[in-house]
Amino acid sequence: MRLQILSDLHLETQPDWTAAPAPDADLLVLAGDIGSYQRGSRLQGDDFGLGRFAPRPGWSRVLFVPGNHEYDGLDHDATGPRLQALCARLGIEWLDRRIRVIDGVRFIGTTLWSDFAALGHLDKALRAADWYLSRNTTLREGRLVMAAELRGMALDCQRWLRAALCEPHDGPTVVVSHFAPTLDSADPRYGMVPGTAGFCNTLDELLPLADLWIHGHLHCPVDVTRAGCRIVCNALGYVHKSEQDGHRPGWCVEVPRPSAEALTARRRAAASLRASGVRVPADAGGG
């Protein structure tokens, strides 16, 4: 199975940008920050830019996990259901907190968010994030959602994801998140600074439970393999920051096929997680 991967298109800043379907792709994976309605958005309509990727105009089957910016300036708890209903109308498959099995490949999706603990200096990371979030973030009951609350959301996502990865599956597993699972995805332009913890988590112990991990959020190309898991990002980024040189239009990734030995090791690792009290999530879907 070949996956075309796109993220961080930020159509609110470049609404006329278009992508072409890769002719050899079986699925298109959208890993968040496609378009938003934050202050100053130039995006027209009410579809967050997703309408151009609806399967009907020619795209292959499309999976979507929202990023952080889809929620900017909007009530978080209302925007999730709005996006989910929009995807249903467009024929795009909502993957946030969902498990889907497609042609034997298991897809597990979550925005993931950030727990801000990746570098071990939580207070510094929270302060760095709050400086940015005070200018642009999601809302709850009219108030800004700041870093400490986002950390709670991230920890909840992590619990869900661990439980999902504990589900037995005798085939390839692909995780799709917006935020990165490891510091190995950190943007080399910035190094390991407090703000980095707002982009990357340290979920390296989960990498052996997946064959492929697709993420966004980092506006730089990522293609590394750690603990048998290939980690990739194909973000477009902002043109005014000259971030688009690393973007690969039409780029596709082949879903790796795990060996029998890898599946055996994965079952042991999942059993160890289950023994620690991880509970399996209920919201799974096939297809």
Protein backbone atom coordinates (compact mmCIF):
# COMPACT_ATOMS: atom_id res chain seq x y z
CA MET A 1 0.00 0.00 0.00
CA ARG A 2 1.33 3.41 -1.03
CA LEU A 3 0.39 6.53 0.93
CA GLN A 4 0.59 10.11 -0.32
CA ILE A 5 1.34 12.34 2.67
CA LEU A 6 0.59 16.03 3.18
CA SER A 7 0.49 18.28 6.23
CA ASP A 8 0.84 21.88 7.35
CA LEU A 9 -0.50 23.38 4.14
CA HIS A 10 -1.69 26.44 6.09
CA LEU A 11 -4.19 27.38 3.43
CA GLU A 12 -5.23 30.34 5.58
CA THR A 13 -2.03 32.04 4.36
CA GLN A 14 -1.92 30.60 0.83
CA PRO A 15 -5.52 29.79 -0.15
CA ASP A 16 -4.74 29.29 -3.84
CA TRP A 17 -2.18 26.54 -3.24
CA THR A 18 -3.10 23.27 -4.91
CA ALA A 19 -1.75 19.73 -4.84
CA ALA A 20 -2.08 17.03 -7.46
CA PRO A 21 -3.04 13.46 -6.61
CA ALA A 22 -0.11 11.08 -6.88
CA PRO A 23 -1.12 8.61 -9.60
CA ASP A 24 0.36 5.62 -7.77
CA ALA A 25 -1.10 6.40 -4.31
CA ASP A 26 -3.65 4.10 -2.70
CA LEU A 27 -4.55 6.60 0.03
CA LEU A 28 -3.97 10.25 0.84
CA VAL A 29 -3.09 11.02 4.47
CA LEU A 30 -3.64 14.57 5.71
CA ALA A 31 -1.75 15.00 8.99
CA GLY A 32 -3.22 18.30 10.16
CA ASP A 33 -2.96 22.08 9.82
CA ILE A 34 -4.58 22.03 6.40
CA GLY A 35 -6.44 25.31 6.86
CA SER A 36 -7.72 27.48 9.70
CA TYR A 37 -9.87 30.49 10.50
CA GLN A 38 -7.48 32.20 12.88
CA ARG A 39 -7.29 36.00 12.84
CA GLY A 40 -6.19 37.21 9.40
CA SER A 41 -7.12 33.99 7.61
CA ARG A 42 -7.52 34.37 3.84
CA LEU A 43 -9.31 31.04 3.49
CA GLN A 44 -12.77 31.38 1.97
CA GLY A 45 -15.74 29.13 2.67
CA ASP A 46 -16.31 27.00 5.73
CA ASP A 47 -14.60 23.72 4.85
CA PHE A 48 -11.14 24.41 6.36
CA GLY A 49 -9.70 23.86 2.87
CA LEU A 50 -10.61 20.18 2.96
CA GLY A 51 -13.08 20.36 0.08
CA ARG A 52 -10.28 20.32 -2.48
CA PHE A 53 -9.23 16.89 -1.21
CA ALA A 54 -12.65 15.23 -1.26
CA PRO A 55 -12.39 11.86 -3.04
CA ARG A 56 -15.10 12.80 -5.54
CA PRO A 57 -12.88 15.20 -7.58
CA GLY A 58 -10.32 12.47 -8.14
CA TRP A 59 -8.38 11.98 -4.94
CA SER A 60 -7.94 8.47 -3.66
CA ARG A 61 -9.38 7.48 -0.30
CA VAL A 62 -8.50 10.26 2.16
CA LEU A 63 -7.71 10.01 5.89
CA PHE A 64 -7.58 13.16 8.03
CA VAL A 65 -6.26 13.96 11.50
CA PRO A 66 -6.68 17.61 12.56
CA GLY A 67 -3.75 19.67 13.72
CA ASN A 68 -3.69 22.37 16.35
CA HIS A 69 -4.41 25.24 13.98
CA GLU A 70 -7.77 23.93 12.78
CA TYR A 71 -8.99 24.91 16.26
CA ASP A 72 -7.45 28.41 16.33
CA GLY A 73 -9.87 31.14 17.33
CA LEU A 74 -12.71 28.62 17.63
CA ASP A 75 -14.26 26.73 20.52
CA HIS A 76 -12.33 23.49 20.77
CA ASP A 77 -15.22 21.35 21.96
CA ALA A 78 -17.51 22.55 19.15
CA THR A 79 -14.90 22.44 16.38
CA GLY A 80 -14.10 18.73 16.69
CA PRO A 81 -17.69 17.65 15.93
CA ARG A 82 -17.89 20.32 13.21
CA LEU A 83 -14.80 18.92 11.49
CA GLN A 84 -16.06 15.37 11.88
CA ALA A 85 -19.41 16.24 10.27
CA LEU A 86 -17.59 18.09 7.49
CA CYS A 87 -15.46 15.04 6.75
CA ALA A 88 -18.57 12.86 6.58
CA ARG A 89 -20.13 15.26 4.09
CA LEU A 90 -17.00 15.40 1.93
CA GLY A 91 -16.31 11.67 1.97
CA ILE A 92 -13.06 12.15 3.91
CA GLU A 93 -12.39 9.64 6.69
CA TRP A 94 -12.01 11.19 10.15
CA LEU A 95 -9.11 9.51 11.95
CA ASP A 96 -8.82 11.47 15.19
CA ARG A 97 -9.11 8.89 17.98
CA ARG A 98 -10.10 6.26 15.47
CA ILE A 99 -8.71 2.88 14.48
CA ARG A 100 -9.37 1.83 10.89
CA VAL A 101 -8.23 -1.34 9.15
CA ILE A 102 -7.93 -0.92 5.38
CA ASP A 103 -6.79 -3.86 3.25
CA GLY A 104 -5.11 -5.40 6.28
CA VAL A 105 -3.28 -2.21 7.30
CA ARG A 106 -4.25 -0.76 10.68
CA PHE A 107 -4.37 3.04 10.89
CA ILE A 108 -4.42 4.66 14.34
CA GLY A 109 -4.96 8.42 14.48
CA THR A 110 -4.80 11.19 17.05
CA THR A 111 -3.85 14.88 17.01
CA LEU A 112 -1.68 13.90 20.01
CA TRP A 113 -0.85 17.48 21.11
CA SER A 114 2.28 18.02 23.24
CA ASP A 115 2.93 17.29 26.89
CA PHE A 116 5.77 19.88 26.86
CA ALA A 117 8.02 17.49 28.83
CA ALA A 118 10.32 16.31 26.04
CA LEU A 119 13.37 18.24 27.26
CA GLY A 120 12.75 17.75 30.97
CA HIS A 121 12.24 21.45 31.73
CA LEU A 122 8.46 21.57 31.95
CA ASP A 123 8.13 25.06 33.46
CA LYS A 124 10.31 26.63 30.75
CA ALA A 125 8.42 24.82 28.00
CA LEU A 126 5.03 25.87 29.38
CA ARG A 127 6.14 29.52 29.61
CA ALA A 128 7.50 29.45 26.06
CA ALA A 129 4.26 27.96 24.78
CA ASP A 130 2.07 30.41 26.71
CA TRP A 131 3.89 33.35 25.11
CA TYR A 132 2.78 32.07 21.70
CA LEU A 133 -0.65 30.82 22.78
CA SER A 134 -1.56 34.21 24.22
CA ARG A 135 -1.62 35.39 20.59
CA ASN A 136 -3.18 32.40 18.87
CA THR A 137 -4.87 29.34 20.34
CA THR A 138 -8.17 27.51 20.65
CA LEU A 139 -10.92 28.50 23.06
CA ARG A 140 -13.14 26.93 25.70
CA GLU A 141 -16.18 28.85 26.91
CA GLY A 142 -14.66 32.02 25.47
CA ARG A 143 -11.31 31.75 27.26
CA LEU A 144 -7.90 30.97 25.79
CA VAL A 145 -6.72 27.38 26.17
CA MET A 146 -3.16 27.69 27.45
CA ALA A 147 -0.26 25.27 27.70
CA ALA A 148 -1.13 23.55 30.98
CA GLU A 149 -4.57 22.64 29.64
CA LEU A 150 -3.10 21.48 26.33
CA ARG A 151 -0.71 19.28 28.30
CA GLY A 152 -3.70 17.60 29.93
CA MET A 153 -5.21 17.00 26.50
CA ALA A 154 -1.91 15.53 25.31
CA LEU A 155 -1.66 13.13 28.23
CA ASP A 156 -5.21 11.98 27.52
CA CYS A 157 -4.28 11.38 23.87
CA GLN A 158 -1.21 9.44 24.94
CA ARG A 159 -3.30 7.15 27.15
CA TRP A 160 -5.68 6.53 24.27
CA LEU A 161 -2.85 5.87 21.84
CA ARG A 162 -1.07 3.43 24.14
CA ALA A 163 -4.31 1.51 24.54
CA ALA A 164 -4.92 1.50 20.79
CA LEU A 165 -1.44 0.15 20.08
CA CYS A 166 -2.10 -2.68 22.55
CA GLU A 167 -4.91 -3.99 20.36
CA PRO A 168 -3.68 -7.20 18.67
CA HIS A 169 -3.22 -6.92 14.91
CA ASP A 170 -1.42 -9.37 12.63
CA GLY A 171 -0.44 -6.89 9.96
CA PRO A 172 1.15 -3.48 9.43
CA THR A 173 0.33 -0.64 11.83
CA VAL A 174 0.45 3.02 10.78
CA VAL A 175 0.11 5.82 13.34
CA VAL A 176 -1.02 9.23 12.09
CA SER A 177 -0.59 12.16 14.47
CA HIS A 178 -0.10 15.88 14.04
CA PHE A 179 2.46 16.38 16.80
CA ALA A 180 5.69 14.40 16.58
CA PRO A 181 6.34 11.33 18.75
CA THR A 182 10.08 11.81 19.19
CA LEU A 183 12.80 14.44 19.39
CA ASP A 184 14.38 12.78 16.37
CA SER A 185 11.84 14.81 14.36
CA ALA A 186 12.94 18.16 15.81
CA ASP A 187 13.57 20.96 13.32
CA PRO A 188 17.36 21.34 12.94
CA ARG A 189 16.95 25.08 12.34
CA TYR A 190 16.10 25.65 15.99
CA GLY A 191 17.87 22.93 17.93
CA MET A 192 16.78 21.80 21.40
CA VAL A 193 15.21 24.94 22.84
CA PRO A 194 12.21 25.20 25.22
CA GLY A 195 9.88 25.73 22.27
CA THR A 196 10.91 22.38 20.79
CA ALA A 197 8.92 20.66 23.53
CA GLY A 198 5.80 22.20 22.02
CA PHE A 199 6.39 20.28 18.80
CA CYS A 200 7.82 16.91 19.86
CA ASN A 201 6.87 14.35 22.47
CA THR A 202 9.12 11.58 23.77
CA LEU A 203 7.02 8.50 23.05
CA ASP A 204 9.97 6.47 21.81
CA GLU A 205 8.80 3.43 23.78
CA LEU A 206 5.77 3.26 21.44
CA LEU A 207 7.79 3.24 18.22
CA PRO A 208 8.34 -0.56 18.21
CA LEU A 209 4.55 -0.98 18.16
CA ALA A 210 4.20 0.65 14.72
CA ASP A 211 5.73 0.14 11.30
CA LEU A 212 5.15 3.68 10.06
CA TRP A 213 4.46 6.91 11.96
CA ILE A 214 3.22 9.89 9.96
CA HIS A 215 3.15 13.32 11.61
CA GLY A 216 3.06 17.00 10.80
CA HIS A 217 3.60 20.17 12.88
CA LEU A 218 7.35 20.36 12.12
CA HIS A 219 7.83 22.50 9.01
CA CYS A 220 10.78 20.46 7.83
CA PRO A 221 11.11 17.13 6.02
CA VAL A 222 11.46 14.09 8.26
CA ASP A 223 12.31 10.55 7.18
CA VAL A 224 14.08 8.52 9.86
CA THR A 225 13.79 4.99 11.19
CA ARG A 226 13.95 4.30 14.92
CA ALA A 227 13.28 1.00 16.70
CA GLY A 228 12.01 -0.51 13.46
CA CYS A 229 9.48 2.29 12.88
CA ARG A 230 9.80 4.66 9.94
CA ILE A 231 8.88 8.23 10.97
CA VAL A 232 7.95 10.66 8.20
CA CYS A 233 6.70 14.21 7.77
CA ASN A 234 5.98 16.03 4.51
CA ALA A 235 4.92 19.50 5.65
CA LEU A 236 4.52 22.41 3.26
CA GLY A 237 5.00 25.20 5.81
CA TYR A 238 4.98 28.95 5.30
CA VAL A 239 6.22 30.59 2.14
CA HIS A 240 7.22 33.77 4.04
CA LYS A 241 9.59 31.68 6.16
CA SER A 242 11.12 29.93 3.11
CA GLU A 243 10.01 26.59 4.52
CA GLN A 244 8.71 25.06 1.31
CA ASP A 245 11.97 24.01 -0.31
CA GLY A 246 11.91 20.70 1.57
CA HIS A 247 8.34 19.86 0.63
CA ARG A 248 7.99 16.91 -1.75
CA PRO A 249 4.93 17.23 -4.01
CA GLY A 250 3.38 13.89 -4.83
CA TRP A 251 5.65 12.09 -2.35
CA CYS A 252 4.46 8.58 -1.47
CA VAL A 253 5.57 6.14 1.21
CA GLU A 254 5.17 2.38 1.02
CA VAL A 255 3.67 0.81 4.13
CA PRO A 256 6.30 -1.64 5.43
CA ARG A 257 5.34 -5.28 5.94
CA PRO A 258 6.43 -6.49 9.38
CA SER A 259 8.25 -9.80 9.60
CA ALA A 260 6.93 -12.66 11.71
CA GLU A 261 9.68 -11.94 14.23
CA ALA A 262 8.67 -8.27 14.41
CA LEU A 263 5.03 -9.19 15.00
CA THR A 264 6.03 -11.59 17.77
CA ALA A 265 8.14 -8.90 19.45
CA ARG A 266 5.28 -6.43 19.06
CA ARG A 267 2.84 -8.79 20.74
CA ARG A 268 5.22 -9.14 23.68
CA ALA A 269 5.62 -5.37 23.97
CA ALA A 270 1.85 -4.87 23.80
CA ALA A 271 1.31 -7.54 26.44
CA SER A 272 3.74 -5.72 28.70
CA LEU A 273 1.81 -2.47 28.25
CA ARG A 274 -1.50 -4.21 28.91
CA ALA A 275 -0.07 -5.71 32.09
CA SER A 276 0.68 -2.18 33.26
CA GLY A 277 -3.03 -1.39 33.20
CA VAL A 278 -3.56 0.09 29.73
CA ARG A 279 -7.19 -0.11 28.67
CA VAL A 280 -8.23 -0.74 25.06
CA PRO A 281 -10.22 2.11 23.42
CA ALA A 282 -13.76 1.54 22.21
CA ASP A 283 -13.89 3.88 19.19
CA ALA A 284 -12.48 1.68 16.42
CA GLY A 285 -13.63 1.31 12.85
CA GLY A 286 -12.95 -1.07 9.99
CA GLY A 287 -13.09 -0.53 6.28
